[in-house]
Amino acid sequence: MSTLDEDLLALEAMVPVIMEVVPQEDVLTAFTCYEQPVLERAVDSLQAQAQVEDILHRHGVATPGL
């Protein structure tokens, strides 16, 4: 099972790819599908969610309601 750090590194690497290949209207849904299992595995889901949102914001992804 992966750790939160591994999950976040994977997300960091996936963000540009997802933004390039997924239609704009589906980008947030794609990230939500990845985020849910990460949050479920995290010891502190609020901290994990903040880290996920930080990664997305650094890449210019708006996260309303994520």
Protein backbone atom coordinates (compact mmCIF):
# COMPACT_ATOMS: atom_id res chain seq x y z
CA MET A 1 0.00 0.00 0.00
CA SER A 2 1.31 3.44 -0.84
CA THR A 3 2.02 6.16 1.65
CA LEU A 4 0.63 9.67 1.51
CA ASP A 5 4.00 10.98 0.33
CA GLU A 6 4.01 8.48 -2.54
CA ASP A 7 0.42 9.35 -3.43
CA LEU A 8 1.23 13.06 -3.47
CA LEU A 9 4.34 12.53 -5.62
CA ALA A 10 2.25 10.52 -8.07
CA LEU A 11 -0.39 13.25 -8.17
CA GLU A 12 2.27 15.92 -8.72
CA ALA A 13 3.52 13.97 -11.74
CA MET A 14 0.02 13.25 -13.08
CA VAL A 15 -1.40 16.79 -12.94
CA PRO A 16 0.21 18.10 -16.15
CA VAL A 17 -0.67 14.90 -18.02
CA ILE A 18 -4.28 14.93 -16.88
CA MET A 19 -4.61 18.60 -17.80
CA GLU A 20 -3.27 17.86 -21.26
CA VAL A 21 -5.29 14.76 -22.15
CA VAL A 22 -8.57 15.15 -20.24
CA PRO A 23 -11.21 17.52 -21.65
CA GLN A 24 -11.32 20.78 -19.67
CA GLU A 25 -14.83 20.13 -18.34
CA ASP A 26 -13.74 16.76 -16.92
CA VAL A 27 -10.43 17.76 -15.29
CA LEU A 28 -11.86 18.32 -11.81
CA THR A 29 -13.72 15.00 -11.95
CA ALA A 30 -10.49 13.22 -12.90
CA PHE A 31 -8.70 14.70 -9.90
CA THR A 32 -11.61 13.86 -7.60
CA CYS A 33 -11.43 10.21 -8.68
CA TYR A 34 -7.77 10.13 -7.69
CA GLU A 35 -8.18 12.17 -4.51
CA GLN A 36 -10.86 10.05 -2.81
CA PRO A 37 -8.76 6.89 -2.27
CA VAL A 38 -5.82 9.04 -1.16
CA LEU A 39 -7.95 10.73 1.50
CA GLU A 40 -9.42 7.41 2.63
CA ARG A 41 -5.91 6.00 3.23
CA ALA A 42 -4.55 9.12 4.92
CA VAL A 43 -4.17 9.22 8.69
CA ASP A 44 -5.13 12.92 8.67
CA SER A 45 -7.55 13.42 5.78
CA LEU A 46 -7.82 17.19 6.29
CA GLN A 47 -4.06 17.60 6.00
CA ALA A 48 -4.01 15.31 2.98
CA GLN A 49 -6.79 17.28 1.31
CA ALA A 50 -4.91 20.54 1.92
CA GLN A 51 -1.79 19.04 0.33
CA VAL A 52 -3.75 17.77 -2.68
CA GLU A 53 -5.36 21.18 -3.16
CA ASP A 54 -1.95 22.87 -2.84
CA ILE A 55 -0.56 20.68 -5.62
CA LEU A 56 -3.54 21.44 -7.85
CA HIS A 57 -3.36 25.17 -7.15
CA ARG A 58 0.37 25.23 -8.00
CA HIS A 59 -0.59 23.86 -11.41
CA GLY A 60 -3.37 26.40 -11.86
CA VAL A 61 -6.30 24.06 -11.22
CA ALA A 62 -9.24 25.71 -9.50
CA THR A 63 -10.72 23.37 -6.86
CA PRO A 64 -14.21 24.60 -6.01
CA GLY A 65 -15.90 21.99 -3.88
CA LEU A 66 -13.15 19.40 -4.25
